[in-house]
Amino acid sequence: MIHYKIDFDKLEWYEKAKGIRDKCVDQNGIRSRLVEYTKEMPPHWCTKAHYGIILSGKMRVRFPGKSHIYEEGDCLYLPPGDTHTHEAIILSDMVRVFFIEPLVSSNNNKQI
């Protein structure tokens, strides 16, 4: 079933790890995902692709050899793969992000 409108208010939050919870809808090979991060999120590096907009809060995203700070209203594009491995560091109490992500079929690329 195609969702022409995604009402995140009607979806349950799922805790992915300490300091990370999300609500998501998968359709047509794309995941629409509302995510909240807190400072309790454990450090981890990610190689998944992310396309999104910061709805609230502030975070730093580290890449090998550089980092960028993202704040409310900023869009981000994080390509997939080891070359673009990244780690988010939460700078405010909470960061809320809306992501559009391609779905992957391999369990090795588990989304968190």
PDB file of N, CA and C in Angstrom:
ATOM      1  N   MET A   1       0.839  -1.180   0.000  1.00  0.00           N
ATOM      2  CA  MET A   1       0.000   0.000   0.000  1.00  0.00           C
ATOM      3  C   MET A   1       0.887   1.248   0.000  1.00  0.00           C
ATOM      4  N   ILE A   2       0.618   2.167  -0.875  1.00  0.00           N
ATOM      5  CA  ILE A   2       1.369   3.413  -0.969  1.00  0.00           C
ATOM      6  C   ILE A   2       0.813   4.406   0.047  1.00  0.00           C
ATOM      7  N   HIS A   3       1.721   5.012   0.809  1.00  0.00           N
ATOM      8  CA  HIS A   3       1.339   6.062   1.755  1.00  0.00           C
ATOM      9  C   HIS A   3       1.652   7.404   1.100  1.00  0.00           C
ATOM     10  N   TYR A   4       0.618   8.134   0.754  1.00  0.00           N
ATOM     11  CA  TYR A   4       0.827   9.447   0.161  1.00  0.00           C
ATOM     12  C   TYR A   4       1.109  10.487   1.232  1.00  0.00           C
ATOM     13  N   LYS A   5       0.689  10.175   2.451  1.00  0.00           N
ATOM     14  CA  LYS A   5       0.973  11.028   3.602  1.00  0.00           C
ATOM     15  C   LYS A   5       1.447  10.125   4.729  1.00  0.00           C
ATOM     16  N   ILE A   6       2.590  10.441   5.287  1.00  0.00           N
ATOM     17  CA  ILE A   6       3.105   9.668   6.410  1.00  0.00           C
ATOM     18  C   ILE A   6       2.836  10.468   7.675  1.00  0.00           C
ATOM     19  N   ASP A   7       1.993   9.926   8.538  1.00  0.00           N
ATOM     20  CA  ASP A   7       1.627  10.599   9.788  1.00  0.00           C
ATOM     21  C   ASP A   7       2.460   9.985  10.912  1.00  0.00           C
ATOM     22  N   PHE A   8       3.629  10.568  11.157  1.00  0.00           N
ATOM     23  CA  PHE A   8       4.519  10.032  12.180  1.00  0.00           C
ATOM     24  C   PHE A   8       3.887  10.066  13.566  1.00  0.00           C
ATOM     25  N   ASP A   9       2.935  10.985  13.796  1.00  0.00           N
ATOM     26  CA  ASP A   9       2.274  11.052  15.104  1.00  0.00           C
ATOM     27  C   ASP A   9       1.515   9.765  15.423  1.00  0.00           C
ATOM     28  N   LYS A  10       1.123   9.025  14.413  1.00  0.00           N
ATOM     29  CA  LYS A  10       0.364   7.790  14.623  1.00  0.00           C
ATOM     30  C   LYS A  10       1.254   6.553  14.714  1.00  0.00           C
ATOM     31  N   LEU A  11       2.550   6.714  14.534  1.00  0.00           N
ATOM     32  CA  LEU A  11       3.481   5.581  14.575  1.00  0.00           C
ATOM     33  C   LEU A  11       4.167   5.502  15.929  1.00  0.00           C
ATOM     34  N   GLU A  12       4.495   4.279  16.341  1.00  0.00           N
ATOM     35  CA  GLU A  12       5.214   4.056  17.593  1.00  0.00           C
ATOM     36  C   GLU A  12       6.695   4.352  17.429  1.00  0.00           C
ATOM     37  N   TRP A  13       7.303   4.814  18.521  1.00  0.00           N
ATOM     38  CA  TRP A  13       8.748   4.947  18.567  1.00  0.00           C
ATOM     39  C   TRP A  13       9.350   3.580  18.828  1.00  0.00           C
ATOM     40  N   TYR A  14      10.475   3.291  18.190  1.00  0.00           N
ATOM     41  CA  TYR A  14      11.230   2.071  18.437  1.00  0.00           C
ATOM     42  C   TYR A  14      12.635   2.463  18.863  1.00  0.00           C
ATOM     43  N   GLU A  15      13.065   1.950  20.012  1.00  0.00           N
ATOM     44  CA  GLU A  15      14.408   2.230  20.483  1.00  0.00           C
ATOM     45  C   GLU A  15      15.377   1.309  19.759  1.00  0.00           C
ATOM     46  N   LYS A  16      16.288   1.893  18.994  1.00  0.00           N
ATOM     47  CA  LYS A  16      17.262   1.128  18.212  1.00  0.00           C
ATOM     48  C   LYS A  16      18.492   0.786  19.042  1.00  0.00           C
ATOM     49  N   ALA A  17      18.862   1.692  19.928  1.00  0.00           N
ATOM     50  CA  ALA A  17      19.991   1.541  20.846  1.00  0.00           C
ATOM     51  C   ALA A  17      19.817   2.648  21.872  1.00  0.00           C
ATOM     52  N   LYS A  18      20.574   2.594  22.922  1.00  0.00           N
ATOM     53  CA  LYS A  18      20.480   3.654  23.921  1.00  0.00           C
ATOM     54  C   LYS A  18      20.748   4.996  23.239  1.00  0.00           C
ATOM     55  N   GLY A  19      19.834   5.937  23.419  1.00  0.00           N
ATOM     56  CA  GLY A  19      19.995   7.259  22.831  1.00  0.00           C
ATOM     57  C   GLY A  19      19.561   7.384  21.380  1.00  0.00           C
ATOM     58  N   ILE A  20      18.968   6.318  20.814  1.00  0.00           N
ATOM     59  CA  ILE A  20      18.494   6.368  19.422  1.00  0.00           C
ATOM     60  C   ILE A  20      17.104   5.737  19.361  1.00  0.00           C
ATOM     61  N   ARG A  21      16.130   6.502  18.882  1.00  0.00           N
ATOM     62  CA  ARG A  21      14.816   5.920  18.630  1.00  0.00           C
ATOM     63  C   ARG A  21      14.303   6.461  17.310  1.00  0.00           C
ATOM     64  N   ASP A  22      13.440   5.659  16.654  1.00  0.00           N
ATOM     65  CA  ASP A  22      12.926   6.098  15.356  1.00  0.00           C
ATOM     66  C   ASP A  22      11.523   5.586  15.089  1.00  0.00           C
ATOM     67  N   LYS A  23      10.943   6.194  14.066  1.00  0.00           N
ATOM     68  CA  LYS A  23       9.673   5.783  13.474  1.00  0.00           C
ATOM     69  C   LYS A  23       9.957   5.728  11.982  1.00  0.00           C
ATOM     70  N   CYS A  24       9.507   4.668  11.300  1.00  0.00           N
ATOM     71  CA  CYS A  24       9.814   4.613   9.878  1.00  0.00           C
ATOM     72  C   CYS A  24       8.724   3.916   9.074  1.00  0.00           C
ATOM     73  N   VAL A  25       8.698   4.264   7.808  1.00  0.00           N
ATOM     74  CA  VAL A  25       7.809   3.653   6.830  1.00  0.00           C
ATOM     75  C   VAL A  25       8.668   3.259   5.643  1.00  0.00           C
ATOM     76  N   ASP A  26       8.572   1.992   5.228  1.00  0.00           N
ATOM     77  CA  ASP A  26       9.302   1.483   4.067  1.00  0.00           C
ATOM     78  C   ASP A  26       8.334   1.302   2.910  1.00  0.00           C
ATOM     79  N   GLN A  27       8.675   1.872   1.776  1.00  0.00           N
ATOM     80  CA  GLN A  27       7.877   1.651   0.570  1.00  0.00           C
ATOM     81  C   GLN A  27       8.708   1.948  -0.666  1.00  0.00           C
ATOM     82  N   ASN A  28       8.511   1.125  -1.674  1.00  0.00           N
ATOM     83  CA  ASN A  28       9.176   1.295  -2.971  1.00  0.00           C
ATOM     84  C   ASN A  28      10.696   1.410  -2.854  1.00  0.00           C
ATOM     85  N   GLY A  29      11.302   0.630  -1.957  1.00  0.00           N
ATOM     86  CA  GLY A  29      12.747   0.619  -1.825  1.00  0.00           C
ATOM     87  C   GLY A  29      13.332   1.793  -1.066  1.00  0.00           C
ATOM     88  N   ILE A  30      12.480   2.597  -0.441  1.00  0.00           N
ATOM     89  CA  ILE A  30      12.916   3.789   0.287  1.00  0.00           C
ATOM     90  C   ILE A  30      12.366   3.734   1.708  1.00  0.00           C
ATOM     91  N   ARG A  31      13.181   4.112   2.657  1.00  0.00           N
ATOM     92  CA  ARG A  31      12.737   4.230   4.052  1.00  0.00           C
ATOM     93  C   ARG A  31      12.620   5.711   4.392  1.00  0.00           C
ATOM     94  N   SER A  32      11.424   6.124   4.821  1.00  0.00           N
ATOM     95  CA  SER A  32      11.203   7.462   5.378  1.00  0.00           C
ATOM     96  C   SER A  32      11.297   7.303   6.877  1.00  0.00           C
ATOM     97  N   ARG A  33      12.197   8.060   7.502  1.00  0.00           N
ATOM     98  CA  ARG A  33      12.554   7.767   8.888  1.00  0.00           C
ATOM     99  C   ARG A  33      12.674   9.034   9.722  1.00  0.00           C
ATOM    100  N   LEU A  34      11.944   9.089  10.819  1.00  0.00           N
ATOM    101  CA  LEU A  34      12.069  10.158  11.792  1.00  0.00           C
ATOM    102  C   LEU A  34      12.901   9.602  12.940  1.00  0.00           C
ATOM    103  N   VAL A  35      14.010  10.251  13.244  1.00  0.00           N
ATOM    104  CA  VAL A  35      14.955   9.737  14.239  1.00  0.00           C
ATOM    105  C   VAL A  35      15.224  10.799  15.292  1.00  0.00           C
ATOM    106  N   GLU A  36      15.301  10.343  16.539  1.00  0.00           N
ATOM    107  CA  GLU A  36      15.752  11.194  17.634  1.00  0.00           C
ATOM    108  C   GLU A  36      17.027  10.596  18.229  1.00  0.00           C
ATOM    109  N   TYR A  37      18.035  11.458  18.374  1.00  0.00           N
ATOM    110  CA  TYR A  37      19.299  11.074  18.988  1.00  0.00           C
ATOM    111  C   TYR A  37      19.477  11.895  20.262  1.00  0.00           C
ATOM    112  N   THR A  38      20.020  11.280  21.301  1.00  0.00           N
ATOM    113  CA  THR A  38      20.411  12.006  22.507  1.00  0.00           C
ATOM    114  C   THR A  38      21.893  11.764  22.761  1.00  0.00           C
ATOM    115  N   LYS A  39      22.425  12.462  23.737  1.00  0.00           N
ATOM    116  CA  LYS A  39      23.841  12.310  24.081  1.00  0.00           C
ATOM    117  C   LYS A  39      24.153  10.922  24.635  1.00  0.00           C
ATOM    118  N   GLU A  40      23.121  10.138  24.967  1.00  0.00           N
ATOM    119  CA  GLU A  40      23.328   8.772  25.451  1.00  0.00           C
ATOM    120  C   GLU A  40      23.677   7.798  24.323  1.00  0.00           C
ATOM    121  N   MET A  41      23.575   8.231  23.072  1.00  0.00           N
ATOM    122  CA  MET A  41      23.884   7.358  21.944  1.00  0.00           C
ATOM    123  C   MET A  41      25.328   6.875  22.045  1.00  0.00           C
ATOM    124  N   PRO A  42      25.545   5.556  21.946  1.00  0.00           N
ATOM    125  CA  PRO A  42      26.917   5.061  22.007  1.00  0.00           C
ATOM    126  C   PRO A  42      27.692   5.458  20.748  1.00  0.00           C
ATOM    127  N   PRO A  43      28.996   5.702  20.891  1.00  0.00           N
ATOM    128  CA  PRO A  43      29.793   6.012  19.702  1.00  0.00           C
ATOM    129  C   PRO A  43      29.761   4.842  18.725  1.00  0.00           C
ATOM    130  N   HIS A  44      29.572   5.154  17.466  1.00  0.00           N
ATOM    131  CA  HIS A  44      29.626   4.119  16.428  1.00  0.00           C
ATOM    132  C   HIS A  44      29.859   4.784  15.077  1.00  0.00           C
ATOM    133  N   TRP A  45      30.556   4.060  14.213  1.00  0.00           N
ATOM    134  CA  TRP A  45      30.805   4.516  12.850  1.00  0.00           C
ATOM    135  C   TRP A  45      29.813   3.827  11.930  1.00  0.00           C
ATOM    136  N   CYS A  46      29.363   4.543  10.915  1.00  0.00           N
ATOM    137  CA  CYS A  46      28.324   4.045  10.005  1.00  0.00           C
ATOM    138  C   CYS A  46      28.806   4.208   8.569  1.00  0.00           C
ATOM    139  N   THR A  47      28.448   3.246   7.715  1.00  0.00           N
ATOM    140  CA  THR A  47      28.797   3.325   6.290  1.00  0.00           C
ATOM    141  C   THR A  47      27.551   3.388   5.408  1.00  0.00           C
ATOM    142  N   LYS A  48      26.370   3.556   6.016  1.00  0.00           N
ATOM    143  CA  LYS A  48      25.117   3.605   5.258  1.00  0.00           C
ATOM    144  C   LYS A  48      24.901   4.984   4.660  1.00  0.00           C
ATOM    145  N   ALA A  49      24.108   5.033   3.603  1.00  0.00           N
ATOM    146  CA  ALA A  49      23.741   6.303   2.984  1.00  0.00           C
ATOM    147  C   ALA A  49      22.622   6.965   3.786  1.00  0.00           C
ATOM    148  N   HIS A  50      22.717   8.276   3.934  1.00  0.00           N
ATOM    149  CA  HIS A  50      21.671   9.052   4.604  1.00  0.00           C
ATOM    150  C   HIS A  50      21.446  10.341   3.819  1.00  0.00           C
ATOM    151  N   TYR A  51      20.194  10.680   3.613  1.00  0.00           N
ATOM    152  CA  TYR A  51      19.799  11.947   3.006  1.00  0.00           C
ATOM    153  C   TYR A  51      18.765  12.519   3.955  1.00  0.00           C
ATOM    154  N   GLY A  52      18.975  13.722   4.476  1.00  0.00           N
ATOM    155  CA  GLY A  52      18.018  14.185   5.455  1.00  0.00           C
ATOM    156  C   GLY A  52      18.084  15.666   5.747  1.00  0.00           C
ATOM    157  N   ILE A  53      17.211  16.048   6.679  1.00  0.00           N
ATOM    158  CA  ILE A  53      17.144  17.432   7.140  1.00  0.00           C
ATOM    159  C   ILE A  53      17.051  17.413   8.661  1.00  0.00           C
ATOM    160  N   ILE A  54      17.797  18.301   9.285  1.00  0.00           N
ATOM    161  CA  ILE A  54      17.774  18.429  10.734  1.00  0.00           C
ATOM    162  C   ILE A  54      16.528  19.235  11.098  1.00  0.00           C
ATOM    163  N   LEU A  55      15.632  18.613  11.857  1.00  0.00           N
ATOM    164  CA  LEU A  55      14.403  19.291  12.269  1.00  0.00           C
ATOM    165  C   LEU A  55      14.612  20.104  13.536  1.00  0.00           C
ATOM    166  N   SER A  56      15.465  19.609  14.430  1.00  0.00           N
ATOM    167  CA  SER A  56      15.793  20.348  15.645  1.00  0.00           C
ATOM    168  C   SER A  56      17.101  19.813  16.214  1.00  0.00           C
ATOM    169  N   GLY A  57      17.776  20.676  16.963  1.00  0.00           N
ATOM    170  CA  GLY A  57      19.011  20.273  17.620  1.00  0.00           C
ATOM    171  C   GLY A  57      20.251  20.572  16.803  1.00  0.00           C
ATOM    172  N   LYS A  58      21.379  20.075  17.341  1.00  0.00           N
ATOM    173  CA  LYS A  58      22.683  20.350  16.732  1.00  0.00           C
ATOM    174  C   LYS A  58      23.573  19.128  16.922  1.00  0.00           C
ATOM    175  N   MET A  59      24.261  18.735  15.847  1.00  0.00           N
ATOM    176  CA  MET A  59      25.190  17.610  15.936  1.00  0.00           C
ATOM    177  C   MET A  59      26.395  17.846  15.034  1.00  0.00           C
ATOM    178  N   ARG A  60      27.472  17.178  15.401  1.00  0.00           N
ATOM    179  CA  ARG A  60      28.676  17.170  14.577  1.00  0.00           C
ATOM    180  C   ARG A  60      28.735  15.792  13.925  1.00  0.00           C
ATOM    181  N   VAL A  61      29.060  15.760  12.644  1.00  0.00           N
ATOM    182  CA  VAL A  61      29.280  14.488  11.964  1.00  0.00           C
ATOM    183  C   VAL A  61      30.750  14.452  11.565  1.00  0.00           C
ATOM    184  N   ARG A  62      31.426  13.434  12.091  1.00  0.00           N
ATOM    185  CA  ARG A  62      32.850  13.258  11.799  1.00  0.00           C
ATOM    186  C   ARG A  62      33.018  12.295  10.633  1.00  0.00           C
ATOM    187  N   PHE A  63      33.969  12.629   9.788  1.00  0.00           N
ATOM    188  CA  PHE A  63      34.412  11.793   8.672  1.00  0.00           C
ATOM    189  C   PHE A  63      35.910  11.618   8.854  1.00  0.00           C
ATOM    190  N   PRO A  64      36.514  10.657   8.187  1.00  0.00           N
ATOM    191  CA  PRO A  64      37.965  10.559   8.290  1.00  0.00           C
ATOM    192  C   PRO A  64      38.624  11.875   7.864  1.00  0.00           C
ATOM    193  N   GLY A  65      39.301  12.526   8.795  1.00  0.00           N
ATOM    194  CA  GLY A  65      40.051  13.742   8.488  1.00  0.00           C
ATOM    195  C   GLY A  65      39.277  15.039   8.502  1.00  0.00           C
ATOM    196  N   LYS A  66      37.959  15.016   8.796  1.00  0.00           N
ATOM    197  CA  LYS A  66      37.194  16.277   8.809  1.00  0.00           C
ATOM    198  C   LYS A  66      35.885  16.068   9.556  1.00  0.00           C
ATOM    199  N   SER A  67      35.180  17.170   9.805  1.00  0.00           N
ATOM    200  CA  SER A  67      33.854  17.078  10.419  1.00  0.00           C
ATOM    201  C   SER A  67      33.025  18.280   9.982  1.00  0.00           C
ATOM    202  N   HIS A  68      31.697  18.139  10.106  1.00  0.00           N
ATOM    203  CA  HIS A  68      30.767  19.225   9.799  1.00  0.00           C
ATOM    204  C   HIS A  68      29.758  19.311  10.934  1.00  0.00           C
ATOM    205  N   ILE A  69      29.316  20.522  11.231  1.00  0.00           N
ATOM    206  CA  ILE A  69      28.255  20.722  12.212  1.00  0.00           C
ATOM    207  C   ILE A  69      26.961  20.976  11.458  1.00  0.00           C
ATOM    208  N   TYR A  70      25.900  20.294  11.909  1.00  0.00           N
ATOM    209  CA  TYR A  70      24.571  20.418  11.322  1.00  0.00           C
ATOM    210  C   TYR A  70      23.609  20.927  12.383  1.00  0.00           C
ATOM    211  N   GLU A  71      22.782  21.898  11.990  1.00  0.00           N
ATOM    212  CA  GLU A  71      21.797  22.479  12.898  1.00  0.00           C
ATOM    213  C   GLU A  71      20.432  22.495  12.223  1.00  0.00           C
ATOM    214  N   GLU A  72      19.425  22.897  12.983  1.00  0.00           N
ATOM    215  CA  GLU A  72      18.054  22.948  12.480  1.00  0.00           C
ATOM    216  C   GLU A  72      17.994  23.609  11.105  1.00  0.00           C
ATOM    217  N   GLY A  73      17.351  22.922  10.173  1.00  0.00           N
ATOM    218  CA  GLY A  73      17.190  23.434   8.811  1.00  0.00           C
ATOM    219  C   GLY A  73      18.271  22.986   7.848  1.00  0.00           C
ATOM    220  N   ASP A  74      19.382  22.471   8.360  1.00  0.00           N
ATOM    221  CA  ASP A  74      20.458  22.005   7.484  1.00  0.00           C
ATOM    222  C   ASP A  74      20.101  20.667   6.852  1.00  0.00           C
ATOM    223  N   CYS A  75      20.456  20.528   5.592  1.00  0.00           N
ATOM    224  CA  CYS A  75      20.295  19.253   4.893  1.00  0.00           C
ATOM    225  C   CYS A  75      21.640  18.540   4.914  1.00  0.00           C
ATOM    226  N   LEU A  76      21.583  17.220   4.921  1.00  0.00           N
ATOM    227  CA  LEU A  76      22.820  16.465   4.882  1.00  0.00           C
ATOM    228  C   LEU A  76      22.712  15.347   3.868  1.00  0.00           C
ATOM    229  N   TYR A  77      23.845  15.053   3.286  1.00  0.00           N
ATOM    230  CA  TYR A  77      23.956  13.939   2.349  1.00  0.00           C
ATOM    231  C   TYR A  77      25.197  13.170   2.738  1.00  0.00           C
ATOM    232  N   LEU A  78      25.009  11.935   3.162  1.00  0.00           N
ATOM    233  CA  LEU A  78      26.111  11.077   3.550  1.00  0.00           C
ATOM    234  C   LEU A  78      26.106   9.876   2.620  1.00  0.00           C
ATOM    235  N   PRO A  79      27.028   9.827   1.666  1.00  0.00           N
ATOM    236  CA  PRO A  79      27.068   8.712   0.714  1.00  0.00           C
ATOM    237  C   PRO A  79      27.395   7.400   1.420  1.00  0.00           C
ATOM    238  N   PRO A  80      27.065   6.280   0.789  1.00  0.00           N
ATOM    239  CA  PRO A  80      27.371   4.983   1.388  1.00  0.00           C
ATOM    240  C   PRO A  80      28.835   4.599   1.181  1.00  0.00           C
ATOM    241  N   GLY A  81      29.291   3.651   1.989  1.00  0.00           N
ATOM    242  CA  GLY A  81      30.589   3.037   1.766  1.00  0.00           C
ATOM    243  C   GLY A  81      31.657   3.450   2.757  1.00  0.00           C
ATOM    244  N   ASP A  82      32.705   2.654   2.776  1.00  0.00           N
ATOM    245  CA  ASP A  82      33.810   2.872   3.704  1.00  0.00           C
ATOM    246  C   ASP A  82      34.505   4.221   3.491  1.00  0.00           C
ATOM    247  N   THR A  83      34.543   4.696   2.272  1.00  0.00           N
ATOM    248  CA  THR A  83      35.180   5.981   1.976  1.00  0.00           C
ATOM    249  C   THR A  83      34.479   7.121   2.705  1.00  0.00           C
ATOM    250  N   HIS A  84      33.179   6.953   2.948  1.00  0.00           N
ATOM    251  CA  HIS A  84      32.369   8.012   3.557  1.00  0.00           C
ATOM    252  C   HIS A  84      31.912   7.642   4.964  1.00  0.00           C
ATOM    253  N   THR A  85      32.634   6.739   5.623  1.00  0.00           N
ATOM    254  CA  THR A  85      32.248   6.354   6.978  1.00  0.00           C
ATOM    255  C   THR A  85      32.093   7.608   7.836  1.00  0.00           C
ATOM    256  N   HIS A  86      31.114   7.589   8.731  1.00  0.00           N
ATOM    257  CA  HIS A  86      30.797   8.781   9.507  1.00  0.00           C
ATOM    258  C   HIS A  86      30.325   8.403  10.912  1.00  0.00           C
ATOM    259  N   GLU A  87      30.483   9.357  11.816  1.00  0.00           N
ATOM    260  CA  GLU A  87      30.052   9.192  13.193  1.00  0.00           C
ATOM    261  C   GLU A  87      29.391  10.485  13.643  1.00  0.00           C
ATOM    262  N   ALA A  88      28.205  10.370  14.230  1.00  0.00           N
ATOM    263  CA  ALA A  88      27.493  11.546  14.725  1.00  0.00           C
ATOM    264  C   ALA A  88      27.808  11.747  16.202  1.00  0.00           C
ATOM    265  N   ILE A  89      28.029  12.997  16.575  1.00  0.00           N
ATOM    266  CA  ILE A  89      28.222  13.394  17.961  1.00  0.00           C
ATOM    267  C   ILE A  89      27.149  14.430  18.272  1.00  0.00           C
ATOM    268  N   ILE A  90      26.314  14.131  19.251  1.00  0.00           N
ATOM    269  CA  ILE A  90      25.175  14.982  19.581  1.00  0.00           C
ATOM    270  C   ILE A  90      25.662  16.138  20.443  1.00  0.00           C
ATOM    271  N   LEU A  91      25.378  17.369  20.014  1.00  0.00           N
ATOM    272  CA  LEU A  91      25.841  18.565  20.709  1.00  0.00           C
ATOM    273  C   LEU A  91      24.752  19.228  21.543  1.00  0.00           C
ATOM    274  N   SER A  92      23.491  18.998  21.214  1.00  0.00           N
ATOM    275  CA  SER A  92      22.380  19.527  22.000  1.00  0.00           C
ATOM    276  C   SER A  92      21.788  18.379  22.814  1.00  0.00           C
ATOM    277  N   ASP A  93      20.785  18.662  23.627  1.00  0.00           N
ATOM    278  CA  ASP A  93      20.167  17.594  24.423  1.00  0.00           C
ATOM    279  C   ASP A  93      19.567  16.504  23.548  1.00  0.00           C
ATOM    280  N   MET A  94      18.982  16.909  22.425  1.00  0.00           N
ATOM    281  CA  MET A  94      18.345  15.965  21.516  1.00  0.00           C
ATOM    282  C   MET A  94      18.439  16.520  20.105  1.00  0.00           C
ATOM    283  N   VAL A  95      18.583  15.632  19.143  1.00  0.00           N
ATOM    284  CA  VAL A  95      18.564  16.003  17.723  1.00  0.00           C
ATOM    285  C   VAL A  95      17.473  15.179  17.069  1.00  0.00           C
ATOM    286  N   ARG A  96      16.610  15.840  16.310  1.00  0.00           N
ATOM    287  CA  ARG A  96      15.560  15.146  15.552  1.00  0.00           C
ATOM    288  C   ARG A  96      15.855  15.367  14.075  1.00  0.00           C
ATOM    289  N   VAL A  97      15.892  14.249  13.323  1.00  0.00           N
ATOM    290  CA  VAL A  97      16.259  14.286  11.906  1.00  0.00           C
ATOM    291  C   VAL A  97      15.225  13.498  11.103  1.00  0.00           C
ATOM    292  N   PHE A  98      14.874  14.009   9.937  1.00  0.00           N
ATOM    293  CA  PHE A  98      14.053  13.259   8.986  1.00  0.00           C
ATOM    294  C   PHE A  98      14.985  12.775   7.895  1.00  0.00           C
ATOM    295  N   PHE A  99      15.026  11.448   7.711  1.00  0.00           N
ATOM    296  CA  PHE A  99      15.884  10.833   6.696  1.00  0.00           C
ATOM    297  C   PHE A  99      15.054  10.172   5.607  1.00  0.00           C
ATOM    298  N   ILE A 100      15.572  10.213   4.397  1.00  0.00           N
ATOM    299  CA  ILE A 100      15.128   9.377   3.287  1.00  0.00           C
ATOM    300  C   ILE A 100      16.321   8.485   2.981  1.00  0.00           C
ATOM    301  N   GLU A 101      16.138   7.164   3.086  1.00  0.00           N
ATOM    302  CA  GLU A 101      17.258   6.243   2.936  1.00  0.00           C
ATOM    303  C   GLU A 101      16.895   5.105   1.998  1.00  0.00           C
ATOM    304  N   PRO A 102      17.830   4.729   1.145  1.00  0.00           N
ATOM    305  CA  PRO A 102      17.581   3.539   0.323  1.00  0.00           C
ATOM    306  C   PRO A 102      17.591   2.305   1.224  1.00  0.00           C
ATOM    307  N   LEU A 103      16.669   1.384   0.987  1.00  0.00           N
ATOM    308  CA  LEU A 103      16.664   0.134   1.742  1.00  0.00           C
ATOM    309  C   LEU A 103      17.776  -0.763   1.219  1.00  0.00           C
ATOM    310  N   VAL A 104      18.362  -1.534   2.107  1.00  0.00           N
ATOM    311  CA  VAL A 104      19.398  -2.487   1.715  1.00  0.00           C
ATOM    312  C   VAL A 104      18.913  -3.877   2.061  1.00  0.00           C
ATOM    313  N   SER A 105      19.351  -4.849   1.295  1.00  0.00           N
ATOM    314  CA  SER A 105      18.892  -6.220   1.507  1.00  0.00           C
ATOM    315  C   SER A 105      19.843  -7.033   2.364  1.00  0.00           C
ATOM    316  N   SER A 106      21.062  -6.555   2.560  1.00  0.00           N
ATOM    317  CA  SER A 106      22.061  -7.309   3.315  1.00  0.00           C
ATOM    318  C   SER A 106      21.967  -7.005   4.801  1.00  0.00           C
ATOM    319  N   ASN A 107      21.982  -8.039   5.638  1.00  0.00           N
ATOM    320  CA  ASN A 107      21.995  -7.830   7.085  1.00  0.00           C
ATOM    321  C   ASN A 107      23.310  -7.225   7.560  1.00  0.00           C
ATOM    322  N   ASN A 108      24.344  -7.271   6.732  1.00  0.00           N
ATOM    323  CA  ASN A 108      25.611  -6.659   7.087  1.00  0.00           C
ATOM    324  C   ASN A 108      25.509  -5.144   7.151  1.00  0.00           C
ATOM    325  N   ASN A 109      24.505  -4.580   6.498  1.00  0.00           N
ATOM    326  CA  ASN A 109      24.310  -3.139   6.476  1.00  0.00           C
ATOM    327  C   ASN A 109      23.100  -2.745   7.303  1.00  0.00           C
ATOM    328  N   LYS A 110      22.925  -3.386   8.432  1.00  0.00           N
ATOM    329  CA  LYS A 110      21.768  -3.131   9.284  1.00  0.00           C
ATOM    330  C   LYS A 110      21.674  -1.642   9.633  1.00  0.00           C
ATOM    331  N   GLN A 111      20.513  -1.090   9.461  1.00  0.00           N
ATOM    332  CA  GLN A 111      20.250   0.314   9.770  1.00  0.00           C
ATOM    333  C   GLN A 111      20.062   0.467  11.266  1.00  0.00           C
ATOM    334  N   ILE A 112      20.738   1.462  11.867  1.00  0.00           N
ATOM    335  CA  ILE A 112      20.451   1.764  13.267  1.00  0.00           C
ATOM    336  C   ILE A 112      20.127   3.236  13.404  1.00  0.00           C
TER     337      ILE A 112
END
